[in-house]
């Protein structure tokens, strides 16, 4: 059967071909519009991620600077602690020397006090002995000499 017999004319074929081309063009335009929207979405997401990456980089730099400051502060605190500990040791040694000197001074003072006390007691005893001898009429013994017993 011929095409004409089937009832399809050249104009009809032409119209169908044109419609087919128009639909294909519409599909391509529709796909291109979807691709354009997807491309715009991807571009916006890439821009957002670039901004996030920049913020992250800035935050990382700030954290690095903060860590450097913290390290410096910790080192300074360690040096200060070491200096304080050294001064504390010097003061402890000085206090120990002062304590020993005070103990020695006290001991010397106590020895002198004891010696003076013994001397005063001895003098009092001698004076009392002289007074007793003079009351009893006994001869006077020079001071500093001791009588020996026989």
N, C-alpha and C. Protein backbone atom coordinates (compact mmCIF):
# COMPACT_ATOMS: atom_id res chain seq x y z
N UNK A 1 0.81 -1.16 0.00
CA UNK A 1 0.00 0.00 0.00
C UNK A 1 0.87 1.24 0.00
N UNK A 2 0.37 2.18 -0.66
CA UNK A 2 1.15 3.40 -0.77
C UNK A 2 0.84 4.31 0.38
N UNK A 3 1.65 5.26 0.50
CA UNK A 3 1.47 6.18 1.60
C UNK A 3 0.20 6.98 1.42
N UNK A 4 -0.05 7.28 0.23
CA UNK A 4 -1.25 8.04 -0.04
C UNK A 4 -2.47 7.20 0.26
N UNK A 5 -2.34 5.94 0.00
CA UNK A 5 -3.46 5.06 0.24
C UNK A 5 -3.69 4.92 1.73
N UNK A 6 -2.66 4.98 2.49
CA UNK A 6 -2.85 4.90 3.94
C UNK A 6 -3.43 6.19 4.48
N UNK A 7 -3.46 7.17 3.71
CA UNK A 7 -4.06 8.42 4.08
C UNK A 7 -3.09 9.42 4.65
N UNK A 8 -1.78 9.23 4.46
CA UNK A 8 -0.79 10.15 5.00
C UNK A 8 -0.28 10.97 3.83
N UNK A 9 -0.48 12.22 3.90
CA UNK A 9 -0.04 13.10 2.83
C UNK A 9 1.31 13.66 3.16
N UNK A 10 1.89 14.25 2.18
CA UNK A 10 3.19 14.89 2.34
C UNK A 10 3.09 16.02 3.36
N UNK A 11 2.06 16.76 3.33
CA UNK A 11 1.87 17.86 4.27
C UNK A 11 1.71 17.32 5.69
N UNK A 12 0.98 16.20 5.77
CA UNK A 12 0.81 15.57 7.08
C UNK A 12 2.14 15.08 7.60
N UNK A 13 2.94 14.46 6.73
CA UNK A 13 4.27 13.98 7.13
C UNK A 13 5.12 15.16 7.56
N UNK A 14 5.04 16.21 6.81
CA UNK A 14 5.80 17.41 7.12
C UNK A 14 5.36 17.98 8.47
N UNK A 15 4.07 18.03 8.65
CA UNK A 15 3.55 18.55 9.91
C UNK A 15 3.98 17.65 11.07
N UNK A 16 3.90 16.35 10.89
CA UNK A 16 4.32 15.41 11.95
C UNK A 16 5.82 15.55 12.23
N UNK A 17 6.61 15.65 11.18
CA UNK A 17 8.06 15.82 11.34
C UNK A 17 8.34 17.12 12.09
N UNK A 18 7.62 18.18 11.71
CA UNK A 18 7.80 19.47 12.41
C UNK A 18 7.40 19.36 13.86
N UNK A 19 6.27 18.68 14.10
CA UNK A 19 5.82 18.48 15.49
C UNK A 19 6.83 17.66 16.25
N UNK A 20 7.36 16.64 15.61
CA UNK A 20 8.37 15.79 16.25
C UNK A 20 9.62 16.61 16.58
N UNK A 21 10.07 17.45 15.63
CA UNK A 21 11.23 18.32 15.87
C UNK A 21 10.93 19.32 16.99
N UNK A 22 9.71 19.87 16.97
CA UNK A 22 9.33 20.84 18.01
C UNK A 22 9.33 20.17 19.38
N UNK A 23 8.78 18.97 19.48
CA UNK A 23 8.76 18.25 20.75
C UNK A 23 10.18 17.90 21.20
N UNK A 24 11.02 17.49 20.25
CA UNK A 24 12.41 17.18 20.58
C UNK A 24 13.13 18.44 21.08
N UNK A 25 12.88 19.56 20.40
CA UNK A 25 13.47 20.84 20.82
C UNK A 25 12.96 21.23 22.20
N UNK A 26 11.65 21.02 22.43
CA UNK A 26 11.06 21.32 23.74
C UNK A 26 11.69 20.45 24.82
N UNK A 27 11.88 19.15 24.51
CA UNK A 27 12.53 18.26 25.48
C UNK A 27 13.96 18.72 25.74
N UNK A 28 14.70 19.07 24.68
CA UNK A 28 16.08 19.55 24.87
C UNK A 28 16.08 20.83 25.70
N UNK A 29 15.13 21.76 25.39
CA UNK A 29 15.04 23.02 26.15
C UNK A 29 14.71 22.71 27.61
N UNK A 30 13.78 21.79 27.83
CA UNK A 30 13.40 21.41 29.19
C UNK A 30 14.60 20.79 29.92
N UNK A 31 15.31 19.88 29.26
CA UNK A 31 16.51 19.26 29.86
C UNK A 31 17.56 20.32 30.11
N UNK A 32 17.77 21.24 29.16
CA UNK A 32 18.76 22.31 29.32
C UNK A 32 18.38 23.20 30.50
N UNK A 33 17.08 23.51 30.64
CA UNK A 33 16.63 24.34 31.78
C UNK A 33 16.89 23.61 33.09
N UNK A 34 16.62 22.30 33.12
CA UNK A 34 16.92 21.50 34.33
C UNK A 34 18.41 21.47 34.60
N UNK A 35 19.20 21.32 33.53
CA UNK A 35 20.66 21.34 33.71
C UNK A 35 21.14 22.70 34.21
N UNK A 36 20.50 23.79 33.66
CA UNK A 36 20.87 25.14 34.11
C UNK A 36 20.54 25.32 35.58
N UNK A 37 19.36 24.86 36.01
CA UNK A 37 18.98 24.96 37.43
C UNK A 37 19.93 24.13 38.30
N UNK A 38 20.23 22.92 37.84
CA UNK A 38 21.16 22.07 38.60
C UNK A 38 22.54 22.72 38.67
N UNK A 39 22.97 23.30 37.56
CA UNK A 39 24.26 23.99 37.52
C UNK A 39 24.27 25.17 38.49
N UNK A 40 23.17 25.93 38.54
CA UNK A 40 23.06 27.08 39.45
C UNK A 40 23.07 26.59 40.91
N UNK A 41 22.37 25.50 41.18
CA UNK A 41 22.36 24.92 42.52
C UNK A 41 23.76 24.48 42.92
N UNK A 42 24.45 23.83 42.00
CA UNK A 42 25.83 23.38 42.27
C UNK A 42 26.74 24.58 42.49
N UNK A 43 26.56 25.65 41.66
CA UNK A 43 27.38 26.85 41.82
C UNK A 43 27.13 27.49 43.19
N UNK A 44 25.84 27.60 43.58
CA UNK A 44 25.52 28.18 44.90
C UNK A 44 26.11 27.33 46.03
N UNK A 45 26.01 26.02 45.91
CA UNK A 45 26.56 25.12 46.94
C UNK A 45 28.08 25.26 47.00
N UNK A 46 28.71 25.37 45.81
CA UNK A 46 30.17 25.55 45.78
C UNK A 46 30.55 26.87 46.44
N UNK A 47 29.77 27.92 46.19
CA UNK A 47 30.05 29.23 46.81
C UNK A 47 29.87 29.14 48.33
N UNK A 48 28.79 28.45 48.75
CA UNK A 48 28.57 28.28 50.20
C UNK A 48 29.72 27.51 50.83
N UNK A 49 30.14 26.43 50.16
CA UNK A 49 31.26 25.63 50.70
C UNK A 49 32.56 26.42 50.70
N UNK A 50 32.76 27.29 49.68
CA UNK A 50 33.95 28.13 49.65
C UNK A 50 33.94 29.09 50.85
N UNK A 51 32.76 29.67 51.14
CA UNK A 51 32.63 30.56 52.29
C UNK A 51 32.89 29.80 53.59
N UNK A 52 32.34 28.59 53.69
CA UNK A 52 32.57 27.76 54.88
C UNK A 52 34.05 27.43 55.01
N UNK A 53 34.68 27.10 53.88
CA UNK A 53 36.11 26.78 53.91
C UNK A 53 36.92 28.00 54.36
N UNK A 54 36.55 29.19 53.90
CA UNK A 54 37.25 30.42 54.30
C UNK A 54 37.06 30.67 55.81
N UNK A 55 35.83 30.49 56.29
CA UNK A 55 35.58 30.66 57.72
C UNK A 55 36.37 29.63 58.53
N UNK A 56 36.42 28.41 58.03
CA UNK A 56 37.17 27.34 58.71
C UNK A 56 38.65 27.68 58.74
N UNK A 57 39.18 28.17 57.62
CA UNK A 57 40.58 28.56 57.56
C UNK A 57 40.86 29.69 58.56
N UNK A 58 39.97 30.69 58.59
CA UNK A 58 40.13 31.80 59.53
C UNK A 58 40.07 31.30 60.98
N UNK A 59 39.13 30.40 61.25
CA UNK A 59 39.02 29.83 62.60
C UNK A 59 40.27 29.03 62.96
N UNK A 60 40.77 28.27 62.01
CA UNK A 60 41.99 27.49 62.26
C UNK A 60 43.17 28.41 62.53
N UNK A 61 43.27 29.51 61.80
CA UNK A 61 44.35 30.47 62.03
C UNK A 61 44.21 31.10 63.41
N UNK A 62 42.99 31.46 63.78
CA UNK A 62 42.76 32.04 65.11
C UNK A 62 43.10 31.02 66.19
N UNK A 63 42.73 29.77 65.98
CA UNK A 63 43.05 28.71 66.96
C UNK A 63 44.55 28.52 67.07
N UNK A 64 45.26 28.58 65.94
CA UNK A 64 46.72 28.44 65.95
C UNK A 64 47.35 29.60 66.74
N UNK A 65 46.87 30.83 66.47
CA UNK A 65 47.40 31.99 67.22
C UNK A 65 47.10 31.84 68.71
N UNK A 66 45.89 31.40 69.03
CA UNK A 66 45.52 31.20 70.43
C UNK A 66 46.40 30.14 71.09
N UNK A 67 46.66 29.06 70.36
CA UNK A 67 47.52 28.00 70.90
C UNK A 67 48.94 28.52 71.11
N UNK A 68 49.43 29.34 70.17
CA UNK A 68 50.76 29.94 70.34
C UNK A 68 50.80 30.81 71.59
N UNK A 69 49.76 31.63 71.77
CA UNK A 69 49.70 32.48 72.96
C UNK A 69 49.65 31.64 74.23
N UNK A 70 48.87 30.57 74.20
CA UNK A 70 48.76 29.69 75.37
C UNK A 70 50.12 29.04 75.67
N UNK A 71 50.83 28.61 74.61
CA UNK A 71 52.17 28.02 74.83
C UNK A 71 53.12 29.03 75.44
N UNK A 72 53.09 30.27 74.91
CA UNK A 72 53.96 31.31 75.46
C UNK A 72 53.61 31.61 76.91
N UNK A 73 52.31 31.69 77.20
CA UNK A 73 51.87 31.97 78.58
C UNK A 73 52.28 30.83 79.51
N UNK A 74 52.15 29.60 79.05
CA UNK A 74 52.55 28.45 79.88
C UNK A 74 54.05 28.47 80.13
N UNK A 75 54.83 28.80 79.11
CA UNK A 75 56.29 28.87 79.28
C UNK A 75 56.65 29.98 80.26
N UNK A 76 56.00 31.12 80.13
CA UNK A 76 56.25 32.23 81.04
C UNK A 76 55.86 31.83 82.47
N UNK A 77 54.75 31.14 82.62
CA UNK A 77 54.31 30.69 83.95
C UNK A 77 55.33 29.70 84.53
N UNK A 78 55.87 28.80 83.69
CA UNK A 78 56.89 27.86 84.17
C UNK A 78 58.14 28.60 84.63
N UNK A 79 58.57 29.60 83.82
CA UNK A 79 59.75 30.37 84.21
C UNK A 79 59.50 31.11 85.52
N UNK A 80 58.31 31.71 85.65
CA UNK A 80 57.97 32.44 86.88
C UNK A 80 57.95 31.48 88.07
N UNK A 81 57.34 30.30 87.88
CA UNK A 81 57.30 29.30 88.96
C UNK A 81 58.71 28.90 89.36
N UNK A 82 59.59 28.68 88.37
CA UNK A 82 60.97 28.29 88.67
C UNK A 82 61.68 29.40 89.44
N UNK A 83 61.46 30.66 89.04
CA UNK A 83 62.08 31.78 89.75
C UNK A 83 61.56 31.87 91.18
N UNK A 84 60.26 31.67 91.35
CA UNK A 84 59.67 31.72 92.70
C UNK A 84 60.24 30.58 93.55
N UNK A 85 60.34 29.39 92.96
CA UNK A 85 60.88 28.25 93.70
C UNK A 85 62.34 28.50 94.10
N UNK A 86 63.12 29.12 93.21
CA UNK A 86 64.52 29.43 93.53
C UNK A 86 64.58 30.43 94.68
N UNK A 87 63.74 31.48 94.61
CA UNK A 87 63.71 32.46 95.70
C UNK A 87 63.23 31.82 97.01
N UNK A 88 62.28 30.94 96.90
CA UNK A 88 61.78 30.24 98.08
C UNK A 88 62.90 29.42 98.72
N UNK A 89 63.70 28.75 97.90
CA UNK A 89 64.82 27.96 98.42
C UNK A 89 65.86 28.87 99.09
N UNK A 90 66.16 30.03 98.47
CA UNK A 90 67.09 30.98 99.08
C UNK A 90 66.56 31.44 100.44
N UNK A 91 65.27 31.78 100.47
CA UNK A 91 64.67 32.23 101.74
C UNK A 91 64.67 31.11 102.79
N UNK A 92 64.41 29.88 102.35
CA UNK A 92 64.44 28.76 103.28
C UNK A 92 65.83 28.58 103.87
N UNK A 93 66.84 28.69 103.01
CA UNK A 93 68.22 28.56 103.50
C UNK A 93 68.57 29.68 104.47
N UNK A 94 68.16 30.92 104.13
CA UNK A 94 68.42 32.05 105.03
C UNK A 94 67.72 31.84 106.37
N UNK A 95 66.48 31.36 106.32
CA UNK A 95 65.73 31.12 107.56
C UNK A 95 66.43 30.05 108.40
N UNK A 96 66.94 29.03 107.73
CA UNK A 96 67.66 27.97 108.46
C UNK A 96 68.92 28.52 109.12
N UNK A 97 69.66 29.36 108.39
CA UNK A 97 70.87 29.99 108.96
C UNK A 97 70.48 30.87 110.14
N UNK A 98 69.42 31.67 109.96
CA UNK A 98 68.96 32.55 111.06
C UNK A 98 68.53 31.74 112.26
N UNK A 99 67.83 30.63 112.03
CA UNK A 99 67.40 29.78 113.13
C UNK A 99 68.60 29.22 113.88
N UNK A 100 69.61 28.76 113.13
CA UNK A 100 70.81 28.21 113.78
C UNK A 100 71.55 29.29 114.55
N UNK A 101 71.64 30.49 113.95
CA UNK A 101 72.31 31.60 114.66
C UNK A 101 71.55 31.97 115.92
N UNK A 102 70.22 32.03 115.83
CA UNK A 102 69.41 32.37 117.00
C UNK A 102 69.58 31.30 118.07
N UNK A 103 69.61 30.03 117.66
CA UNK A 103 69.81 28.94 118.63
C UNK A 103 71.17 29.05 119.30
N UNK A 104 72.20 29.35 118.50
CA UNK A 104 73.54 29.50 119.07
C UNK A 104 73.60 30.70 120.02
N UNK A 105 72.97 31.81 119.63
CA UNK A 105 72.93 33.00 120.48
C UNK A 105 72.20 32.69 121.78
N UNK A 106 71.07 32.00 121.68
CA UNK A 106 70.31 31.64 122.88
C UNK A 106 71.13 30.74 123.79
N UNK A 107 71.80 29.76 123.18
CA UNK A 107 72.60 28.85 123.98
C UNK A 107 73.73 29.60 124.69
N UNK A 108 74.39 30.50 123.95
CA UNK A 108 75.47 31.30 124.56
C UNK A 108 74.93 32.18 125.67
N UNK A 109 73.80 32.83 125.41
CA UNK A 109 73.18 33.68 126.43
C UNK A 109 72.80 32.85 127.66
N UNK A 110 72.25 31.66 127.44
CA UNK A 110 71.89 30.79 128.56
C UNK A 110 73.13 30.38 129.34
N UNK A 111 74.24 30.08 128.63
CA UNK A 111 75.48 29.70 129.31
C UNK A 111 76.00 30.86 130.15
N UNK A 112 75.98 32.08 129.56
CA UNK A 112 76.43 33.25 130.31
C UNK A 112 75.53 33.50 131.51
N UNK A 113 74.23 33.36 131.34
CA UNK A 113 73.30 33.56 132.44
C UNK A 113 73.57 32.55 133.55
N UNK A 114 73.75 31.29 133.15
CA UNK A 114 74.03 30.25 134.14
C UNK A 114 75.33 30.55 134.88
N UNK A 115 76.34 30.96 134.11
CA UNK A 115 77.64 31.25 134.74
C UNK A 115 77.51 32.43 135.71
N UNK A 116 76.81 33.50 135.26
CA UNK A 116 76.63 34.66 136.14
C UNK A 116 75.80 34.30 137.38
N UNK A 117 74.79 33.43 137.16
CA UNK A 117 73.95 33.00 138.28
C UNK A 117 74.78 32.21 139.28
N UNK A 118 75.60 31.26 138.77
CA UNK A 118 76.46 30.48 139.67
C UNK A 118 77.43 31.39 140.41
N UNK A 119 77.99 32.37 139.67
CA UNK A 119 78.93 33.31 140.30
C UNK A 119 78.22 34.12 141.39
N UNK A 120 77.00 34.59 141.11
CA UNK A 120 76.26 35.38 142.10
C UNK A 120 75.92 34.53 143.31
N UNK A 121 75.55 33.26 143.08
CA UNK A 121 75.24 32.37 144.20
C UNK A 121 76.49 32.14 145.03
N UNK A 122 77.61 31.89 144.32
CA UNK A 122 78.87 31.67 145.04
C UNK A 122 79.22 32.89 145.89
N UNK A 123 79.07 34.10 145.31
CA UNK A 123 79.38 35.32 146.06
C UNK A 123 78.45 35.46 147.26
N UNK A 124 77.16 35.15 147.06
CA UNK A 124 76.21 35.23 148.16
C UNK A 124 76.59 34.25 149.27
N UNK A 125 77.01 33.04 148.86
CA UNK A 125 77.40 32.03 149.84
C UNK A 125 78.64 32.52 150.60
N UNK A 126 79.59 33.10 149.85
CA UNK A 126 80.82 33.59 150.50
C UNK A 126 80.50 34.72 151.47
N UNK A 127 79.60 35.64 151.04
CA UNK A 127 79.23 36.76 151.91
C UNK A 127 78.54 36.22 153.17
N UNK A 128 77.67 35.24 152.96
CA UNK A 128 76.96 34.67 154.10
C UNK A 128 77.95 33.96 155.03
N UNK A 129 78.95 33.29 154.44
CA UNK A 129 79.96 32.60 155.25
C UNK A 129 80.79 33.61 156.03
N UNK A 130 81.14 34.72 155.37
CA UNK A 130 81.94 35.75 156.06
C UNK A 130 81.14 36.36 157.21
N UNK A 131 79.86 36.62 156.93
CA UNK A 131 79.03 37.19 157.99
C UNK A 131 78.93 36.21 159.15
N UNK A 132 78.78 34.96 158.86
CA UNK A 132 78.67 33.94 159.90
C UNK A 132 79.99 33.83 160.66
N UNK A 133 81.12 33.87 159.93
CA UNK A 133 82.43 33.79 160.59
C UNK A 133 82.63 35.00 161.49
N UNK A 134 82.26 36.17 161.00
CA UNK A 134 82.48 37.34 161.84
C UNK A 134 81.58 37.29 163.06
N UNK A 135 80.43 36.75 162.93
CA UNK A 135 79.57 36.63 164.09
C UNK A 135 80.12 35.61 165.07
N UNK A 136 80.78 34.60 164.55
CA UNK A 136 81.34 33.56 165.40
C UNK A 136 82.76 33.90 165.83
N UNK A 137 83.36 34.93 165.23
CA UNK A 137 84.70 35.35 165.59
C UNK A 137 85.78 34.50 164.96
N UNK A 138 85.54 33.90 163.84
CA UNK A 138 86.54 33.07 163.15
C UNK A 138 87.41 33.96 162.27
N UNK A 139 88.65 33.49 161.98
CA UNK A 139 89.53 34.30 161.13
C UNK A 139 88.98 34.39 159.69
N UNK A 140 89.34 35.50 159.04
CA UNK A 140 88.86 35.78 157.68
C UNK A 140 89.71 35.04 156.65
N UNK A 141 89.07 34.34 155.68
CA UNK A 141 89.79 33.66 154.59
C UNK A 141 89.71 34.55 153.37
N UNK A 142 90.90 34.78 152.74
CA UNK A 142 90.87 35.65 151.55
C UNK A 142 89.94 35.07 150.46
N UNK A 143 89.34 35.96 149.76
CA UNK A 143 88.39 35.57 148.72
C UNK A 143 89.13 34.87 147.59
N UNK A 144 88.51 33.80 147.07
CA UNK A 144 89.11 33.09 145.97
C UNK A 144 89.90 31.89 146.44
N UNK A 145 90.30 31.86 147.68
CA UNK A 145 91.02 30.68 148.19
C UNK A 145 90.05 29.82 148.92
N UNK A 146 90.23 28.59 148.81
CA UNK A 146 89.32 27.69 149.48
C UNK A 146 90.08 26.99 150.60
N UNK A 147 89.37 26.78 151.63
CA UNK A 147 89.99 26.06 152.74
C UNK A 147 89.98 24.59 152.43
N UNK A 148 91.02 23.93 152.77
CA UNK A 148 91.09 22.50 152.54
C UNK A 148 90.81 21.80 153.84
N UNK A 149 90.14 20.78 153.78
CA UNK A 149 89.82 20.00 154.98
C UNK A 149 90.87 18.95 155.17
N UNK A 150 91.15 18.72 156.40
CA UNK A 150 92.15 17.68 156.70
C UNK A 150 91.56 16.56 157.41
